[in-house]
Each structure stands twice: as C-alpha cells, then as structure tokens.
Amino acid sequence: MRRFLALILMLGLFGGVAFWFLTGPSRLPAETFAGLSGDAAAGEAVFWAGGCASCHSAEAAEGDARLVLSGGRRFPSDFGTFLAPNITPDPDQGIGSWSLADFGNAVMRGVSPAGAHYYPAFPYTTYAKAEPQDIADLWAYMQALPADPTPSLAHEVGFPFSIRRSVGGWKLLFFSNDYVLENAATPEIERGRYLAEALGHCGECHTPRGILGQLQTDRWLTGAPNPTGRGNIPNITPAELDWSDLDLISYFKTGFTPEFDVAGGHMAEVVQNLARLPDSDLAAITAYLRAVPAAE
C-alpha cells in the first residue's frame, strides 16, 4: 500500500513538473528585433489595420480621443469578462517602461514582460503572423501617442480560467502562426491575407469557436454568435457575401451597405479603422475574401 501511495505521489509530482515545464511562456528569439528601427509613419498604418483603438480606447471615443489607449472596455465571453488594459506610454500604468522586445513578445506571443501568459482575448494568435518590422513600426508610433495614468482593471474571470498557467496548455493545443488560406494565388490576395489574417484579425469575430474558445478554422469566416448575446456575426465567405467588389470597398470606407443600411456595433469601429487604409489595401482585402473557400 505504501509503495502504491509513493508511486501515485511520484507520478503526481512528475505530472506537475511536466505541466509546469510544458506550459511555460515561449518568447520570440532574441534576434527577432535586432537591428530594426521603427518608423512611426509606417506604424500608423499598422495601428489602424490592427484595430488597436477599437479595443483599447474609451467606449464611444471619437476623433483624437481614439488615440488615448487607456483601456477599460469590457469583452464578455463564455469564460468571463475581459477588460482591455491601458497600453498608453505612461510608464507606471501603461507600457511606457517596456522595450521593443517586451512589446513584440506581448503582441506576437501573448507573454508579458514578467513572463505571464495573456488571455487569447488579446488576439496575439493573429498578430503572431505579423512581420517584425511592422511590429517595430507600430511600437514607434504608439510611443508617440498620449500617455494616460488610468490603472488597468482586472479581468472578471473565475476559477479555473483564472489560472494563467493553464493558458500555456491552451497555447500548446491551439496556438499556430500558420495562415488559414494556405495558397495566395496573386500578390494582391497575399497582401489581403496579411491584412485580414495577420493584422486585421477578421476571423476573431467572424469564425465560430470550439468548446475551449479556439477558432474553428475549418469553418473560417462562416459567422458566429455575437459574444454580447445579441444576434449573430455574419458569414463573409463567398457562399453568402454576394456584394460586388465596389460595394465591399465602399462599405470598408463608409460603412454603408448596398441595401442602404449602415455598419453598427463593433463593426462601425472596424470601418473607422479600414477607412484610413489606402484603396489598394481595401481592394486586397476584397480579393482575399473572394479567395476564401465558400462555406455555408
């Protein structure tokens, strides 16, 4: 009996050590940002393509107020409510004391400077595909934005999801930097894929999720329940998105649909971001949506 208990204890200890090792943070190679110098002007385009203001500015912020990324917005989910943090250049309450490497590991690996996992409500699983130069440019732009001393609020997530280390296990199962659309047939589609899958994270809203919150990439962009509980986010594959190219580009710039409706909810802010991109990028996103496999 004692031997049996000792064996159980040893197995439990071994399992705990293995879990701790396997779920540890995985950072970017040290040389990822070596020699890179960020260009703030180029970073502004990355900022709008990445939708940073849509999550981190104050609710209903307009104009220059959208550049104050003090956080506080609430994002409900099946696992609790996540609150966007302060990511202004404030050195105490924001990220002003971070380095470019700290920022890159947060954005592309979901790891804090202290080595804690971020919840994937922060779409680092998308940003993982971004080019390091774009991240360096974004960092240069964000350092010039207004600082704000508003403290970040804690997420409202209960046990067991409150155990941050378990996010490392989630990453082992679901974190991948592979593109969903494997073959981009033209440079325009390739650019659209980068904007939609690496920066714009369209799939985070338009793709259904599994029981552990992972994106069901085999049903890519086929629509999903609205996390707020109000309605559904639409299917934007060619199976249901039958707008013309001009209709789509116009929608990205103005928010007006061919049926004379207007974008509402979170999509209204997405349109504010897309409207700042050049027409060539909007055409590239359109070409990408045409290339995505049609699915009901």
Protein backbone atom coordinates (compact mmCIF):
# COMPACT_ATOMS: atom_id res chain seq x y z
CA MET A 1 0.00 0.00 0.00
CA ARG A 2 2.84 2.36 0.90
CA ARG A 3 4.57 1.61 -2.38
CA PHE A 4 1.35 2.31 -4.23
CA LEU A 5 0.89 5.66 -2.49
CA ALA A 6 4.52 6.53 -3.10
CA LEU A 7 4.07 5.71 -6.79
CA ILE A 8 0.97 7.90 -7.00
CA LEU A 9 2.84 10.71 -5.28
CA MET A 10 5.78 10.39 -7.66
CA LEU A 11 3.51 10.33 -10.71
CA GLY A 12 1.66 13.39 -9.44
CA LEU A 13 4.93 15.20 -8.81
CA PHE A 14 6.24 14.23 -12.25
CA GLY A 15 2.97 15.34 -13.87
CA GLY A 16 3.11 18.67 -12.07
CA VAL A 17 6.69 19.31 -13.14
CA ALA A 18 5.87 18.31 -16.74
CA PHE A 19 2.82 20.59 -16.75
CA TRP A 20 4.86 23.49 -15.40
CA PHE A 21 7.56 22.94 -18.00
CA LEU A 22 5.23 22.47 -20.98
CA THR A 23 3.01 25.43 -20.14
CA GLY A 24 5.82 27.92 -19.64
CA PRO A 25 5.95 31.08 -21.77
CA SER A 26 7.54 30.81 -25.20
CA ARG A 27 9.25 34.04 -26.18
CA LEU A 28 10.48 35.21 -29.55
CA PRO A 29 14.13 34.54 -30.43
CA ALA A 30 16.36 37.29 -29.08
CA GLU A 31 17.43 38.29 -32.57
CA THR A 32 13.87 38.91 -33.83
CA PHE A 33 14.10 42.68 -33.48
CA ALA A 34 17.88 43.02 -33.68
CA GLY A 35 18.86 45.94 -35.89
CA LEU A 36 15.29 47.02 -36.55
CA SER A 37 14.44 50.69 -36.33
CA GLY A 38 10.77 51.58 -36.14
CA ASP A 39 9.17 54.10 -38.49
CA ALA A 40 6.27 55.86 -36.74
CA ALA A 41 4.69 56.98 -40.02
CA ALA A 42 4.56 53.40 -41.26
CA GLY A 43 3.42 52.30 -37.82
CA GLU A 44 0.30 54.43 -38.06
CA ALA A 45 -0.99 52.27 -40.92
CA VAL A 46 -0.24 49.13 -38.88
CA PHE A 47 -2.08 50.68 -35.93
CA TRP A 48 -5.29 51.17 -37.91
CA ALA A 49 -5.02 47.84 -39.74
CA GLY A 50 -4.55 46.10 -36.39
CA GLY A 51 -7.58 47.74 -34.82
CA CYS A 52 -5.76 48.79 -31.63
CA ALA A 53 -8.10 51.71 -30.91
CA SER A 54 -11.21 49.55 -31.27
CA CYS A 55 -10.36 47.70 -28.06
CA HIS A 56 -8.12 49.98 -26.03
CA SER A 57 -9.71 53.43 -26.41
CA ALA A 58 -12.63 54.50 -24.24
CA GLU A 59 -16.11 53.34 -25.18
CA ALA A 60 -17.67 55.63 -27.81
CA ALA A 61 -14.44 57.62 -28.19
CA GLU A 62 -14.31 59.76 -31.32
CA GLY A 63 -11.62 61.70 -33.17
CA ASP A 64 -8.34 62.18 -31.33
CA ALA A 65 -9.83 60.54 -28.23
CA ARG A 66 -9.46 57.21 -30.04
CA LEU A 67 -5.69 57.64 -29.72
CA VAL A 68 -5.83 57.58 -25.92
CA LEU A 69 -5.48 53.84 -25.29
CA SER A 70 -6.32 53.88 -21.59
CA GLY A 71 -8.33 50.65 -21.72
CA GLY A 72 -11.35 49.70 -19.67
CA ARG A 73 -13.63 48.27 -22.36
CA ARG A 74 -15.43 45.08 -21.38
CA PHE A 75 -15.48 41.99 -23.59
CA PRO A 76 -17.87 39.25 -22.40
CA SER A 77 -17.23 35.62 -23.23
CA ASP A 78 -18.18 32.12 -22.07
CA PHE A 79 -15.16 32.18 -19.75
CA GLY A 80 -15.75 35.51 -18.06
CA THR A 81 -15.44 39.18 -18.94
CA PHE A 82 -12.10 40.51 -20.16
CA LEU A 83 -11.18 44.16 -19.72
CA ALA A 84 -8.82 45.90 -22.12
CA PRO A 85 -5.71 47.22 -20.33
CA ASN A 86 -4.02 50.59 -20.51
CA ILE A 87 -1.43 50.46 -23.31
CA THR A 88 -0.54 54.16 -23.40
CA PRO A 89 3.10 55.27 -22.97
CA ASP A 90 2.51 56.00 -19.28
CA PRO A 91 5.49 54.37 -17.50
CA ASP A 92 3.55 53.32 -14.41
CA GLN A 93 0.04 52.35 -15.56
CA GLY A 94 0.72 51.78 -19.26
CA ILE A 95 3.54 50.23 -21.25
CA GLY A 96 5.92 53.20 -21.31
CA SER A 97 8.63 51.27 -19.46
CA TRP A 98 8.62 48.37 -21.96
CA SER A 99 11.24 47.65 -24.58
CA LEU A 100 10.54 46.77 -28.21
CA ALA A 101 11.25 43.12 -27.34
CA ASP A 102 8.72 43.29 -24.46
CA PHE A 103 6.14 44.72 -26.84
CA GLY A 104 6.89 42.14 -29.52
CA ASN A 105 6.57 39.23 -27.11
CA ALA A 106 3.26 40.57 -25.84
CA VAL A 107 1.82 41.13 -29.31
CA MET A 108 3.21 38.08 -31.11
CA ARG A 109 3.49 35.51 -28.30
CA GLY A 110 0.99 36.62 -25.67
CA VAL A 111 3.66 36.84 -22.96
CA SER A 112 4.05 39.74 -20.54
CA PRO A 113 7.44 41.24 -19.63
CA ALA A 114 7.12 39.42 -16.29
CA GLY A 115 6.61 36.08 -18.07
CA ALA A 116 2.86 35.65 -17.55
CA HIS A 117 0.52 34.41 -20.26
CA TYR A 118 -2.02 36.82 -21.67
CA TYR A 119 -5.51 35.51 -22.31
CA PRO A 120 -6.22 34.96 -26.03
CA ALA A 121 -8.99 37.56 -25.86
CA PHE A 122 -5.96 39.63 -26.88
CA PRO A 123 -5.59 38.39 -30.49
CA TYR A 124 -1.89 37.56 -30.36
CA THR A 125 -2.69 34.31 -32.16
CA THR A 126 -3.38 36.54 -35.16
CA TYR A 127 -0.56 39.02 -34.65
CA ALA A 128 1.88 36.08 -34.45
CA LYS A 129 1.93 36.15 -38.25
CA ALA A 130 2.92 39.83 -38.42
CA GLU A 131 6.28 40.92 -39.79
CA PRO A 132 8.72 42.03 -37.06
CA GLN A 133 9.33 45.28 -38.96
CA ASP A 134 5.62 46.10 -38.77
CA ILE A 135 5.69 45.48 -35.02
CA ALA A 136 8.73 47.75 -34.66
CA ASP A 137 6.94 50.44 -36.69
CA LEU A 138 3.81 50.06 -34.56
CA TRP A 139 5.88 50.39 -31.39
CA ALA A 140 7.45 53.61 -32.70
CA TYR A 141 4.01 55.05 -33.46
CA MET A 142 2.48 54.05 -30.13
CA GLN A 143 5.28 55.63 -28.15
CA ALA A 144 4.22 59.00 -29.57
CA LEU A 145 0.57 58.63 -28.51
CA PRO A 146 -0.83 60.39 -25.41
CA ALA A 147 0.08 58.89 -22.04
CA ASP A 148 -2.71 58.31 -19.54
CA PRO A 149 -2.40 57.31 -15.85
CA THR A 150 -5.64 55.31 -15.68
CA PRO A 151 -4.93 51.96 -13.97
CA SER A 152 -5.81 48.79 -15.85
CA LEU A 153 -8.73 46.84 -14.38
CA ALA A 154 -8.59 43.17 -13.50
CA HIS A 155 -10.36 40.63 -15.70
CA GLU A 156 -13.53 39.17 -14.26
CA VAL A 157 -12.65 35.52 -14.81
CA GLY A 158 -13.42 32.80 -12.29
CA PHE A 159 -11.70 29.52 -11.43
CA PRO A 160 -10.31 27.53 -13.22
CA PHE A 161 -9.89 30.02 -16.06
CA SER A 162 -8.25 32.44 -13.65
CA ILE A 163 -5.17 30.19 -13.56
CA ARG A 164 -2.92 31.94 -16.05
CA ARG A 165 -0.58 29.00 -16.36
CA SER A 166 -3.38 26.98 -17.93
CA VAL A 167 -3.28 29.38 -20.88
CA GLY A 168 0.06 27.78 -21.69
CA GLY A 169 -1.77 24.48 -22.15
CA TRP A 170 -4.29 26.22 -24.40
CA LYS A 171 -1.43 27.56 -26.48
CA LEU A 172 0.06 24.07 -26.83
CA LEU A 173 -3.23 22.87 -28.30
CA PHE A 174 -4.30 25.79 -30.45
CA PHE A 175 -1.63 28.46 -30.96
CA SER A 176 -0.37 28.39 -34.54
CA ASN A 177 1.07 31.05 -36.82
CA ASP A 178 0.03 29.22 -39.99
CA TYR A 179 -2.25 31.00 -42.44
CA VAL A 180 -5.73 29.58 -42.86
CA LEU A 181 -5.78 30.40 -46.56
CA GLU A 182 -2.71 28.38 -47.47
CA ASN A 183 -2.32 29.45 -51.08
CA ALA A 184 -2.43 33.11 -52.05
CA ALA A 185 -2.59 32.95 -55.84
CA THR A 186 -1.66 36.59 -56.51
CA PRO A 187 0.33 39.32 -54.74
CA GLU A 188 -2.94 41.17 -54.12
CA ILE A 189 -4.52 38.17 -52.39
CA GLU A 190 -1.31 37.68 -50.41
CA ARG A 191 -1.50 41.28 -49.22
CA GLY A 192 -5.17 40.86 -48.37
CA ARG A 193 -4.40 37.68 -46.45
CA TYR A 194 -1.78 39.52 -44.42
CA LEU A 195 -4.18 42.34 -43.62
CA ALA A 196 -7.06 40.00 -42.75
CA GLU A 197 -5.25 37.14 -41.02
CA ALA A 198 -2.14 38.75 -39.51
CA LEU A 199 -3.24 42.29 -38.63
CA GLY A 200 -6.98 42.78 -39.01
CA HIS A 201 -7.98 39.53 -37.20
CA CYS A 202 -11.29 39.25 -39.09
CA GLY A 203 -11.56 35.62 -38.00
CA GLU A 204 -11.69 36.54 -34.32
CA CYS A 205 -15.28 37.71 -34.78
CA HIS A 206 -16.47 36.02 -37.98
CA THR A 207 -15.34 32.45 -37.19
CA PRO A 208 -17.14 30.12 -34.74
CA ARG A 209 -15.27 28.83 -31.71
CA GLY A 210 -14.92 25.45 -30.09
CA ILE A 211 -15.63 24.46 -26.52
CA LEU A 212 -12.28 25.86 -25.30
CA GLY A 213 -12.63 29.10 -27.20
CA GLN A 214 -10.39 28.07 -30.10
CA LEU A 215 -11.21 29.27 -33.60
CA GLN A 216 -12.69 26.52 -35.75
CA THR A 217 -10.55 27.20 -38.77
CA ASP A 218 -12.32 24.53 -40.82
CA ARG A 219 -15.33 26.90 -40.68
CA TRP A 220 -13.29 30.01 -41.39
CA LEU A 221 -15.32 33.23 -41.63
CA THR A 222 -18.65 31.37 -41.72
CA GLY A 223 -20.13 33.52 -38.97
CA ALA A 224 -20.52 33.16 -35.22
CA PRO A 225 -22.78 34.09 -32.31
CA ASN A 226 -22.26 37.62 -31.08
CA PRO A 227 -20.45 37.39 -27.69
CA THR A 228 -22.80 40.06 -26.34
CA GLY A 229 -25.69 37.65 -26.86
CA ARG A 230 -27.37 39.97 -29.36
CA GLY A 231 -27.68 38.36 -32.77
CA ASN A 232 -25.03 36.77 -34.94
CA ILE A 233 -21.92 37.93 -36.74
CA PRO A 234 -22.40 37.16 -40.46
CA ASN A 235 -20.82 34.67 -42.81
CA ILE A 236 -18.42 36.60 -45.07
CA THR A 237 -17.30 33.74 -47.30
CA PRO A 238 -18.38 33.80 -50.98
CA ALA A 239 -21.24 31.45 -50.04
CA GLU A 240 -23.20 34.35 -48.56
CA LEU A 241 -21.27 37.55 -49.26
CA ASP A 242 -22.58 38.42 -52.71
CA TRP A 243 -21.68 42.12 -52.84
CA SER A 244 -19.66 43.45 -55.76
CA ASP A 245 -16.03 44.47 -55.30
CA LEU A 246 -17.03 48.13 -55.45
CA ASP A 247 -19.74 47.53 -52.84
CA LEU A 248 -17.22 45.96 -50.49
CA ILE A 249 -14.63 48.69 -50.89
CA SER A 250 -17.29 51.33 -50.39
CA TYR A 251 -18.50 49.55 -47.25
CA PHE A 252 -14.96 49.44 -45.85
CA LYS A 253 -14.64 53.18 -46.42
CA THR A 254 -18.08 54.43 -45.41
CA GLY A 255 -19.93 51.69 -43.53
CA PHE A 256 -22.88 51.86 -45.94
CA THR A 257 -24.18 48.60 -47.38
CA PRO A 258 -25.66 48.11 -50.87
CA GLU A 259 -29.05 47.82 -49.14
CA PHE A 260 -28.66 51.37 -47.74
CA ASP A 261 -28.07 50.05 -44.23
CA VAL A 262 -25.08 51.11 -42.13
CA ALA A 263 -22.50 49.21 -40.10
CA GLY A 264 -23.35 49.06 -36.42
CA GLY A 265 -21.87 47.74 -33.19
CA HIS A 266 -18.22 46.83 -33.19
CA MET A 267 -18.13 46.77 -37.00
CA ALA A 268 -18.70 50.52 -37.06
CA GLU A 269 -15.32 50.96 -35.38
CA VAL A 270 -13.72 48.47 -37.74
CA VAL A 271 -14.91 50.66 -40.61
CA GLN A 272 -13.34 53.70 -38.94
CA ASN A 273 -10.04 51.81 -38.96
CA LEU A 274 -10.33 50.47 -42.51
CA ALA A 275 -11.26 53.89 -43.87
CA ARG A 276 -7.75 55.07 -43.01
CA LEU A 277 -6.11 52.46 -45.25
CA PRO A 278 -5.33 53.10 -48.91
CA ASP A 279 -7.78 51.87 -51.54
CA SER A 280 -5.18 49.33 -52.69
CA ASP A 281 -5.32 47.65 -49.26
CA LEU A 282 -9.12 47.62 -49.28
CA ALA A 283 -9.04 46.04 -52.74
CA ALA A 284 -6.58 43.46 -51.42
CA ILE A 285 -8.89 42.54 -48.54
CA THR A 286 -11.72 42.21 -51.05
CA ALA A 287 -9.60 39.91 -53.23
CA TYR A 288 -8.80 37.82 -50.15
CA LEU A 289 -12.48 37.44 -49.25
CA ARG A 290 -13.15 36.27 -52.82
CA ALA A 291 -10.39 33.66 -52.46
CA VAL A 292 -11.60 32.20 -49.14
CA PRO A 293 -13.41 28.86 -49.68
CA ALA A 294 -17.19 29.29 -49.80
CA ALA A 295 -18.91 27.61 -46.87
CA GLU A 296 -22.46 27.71 -45.57
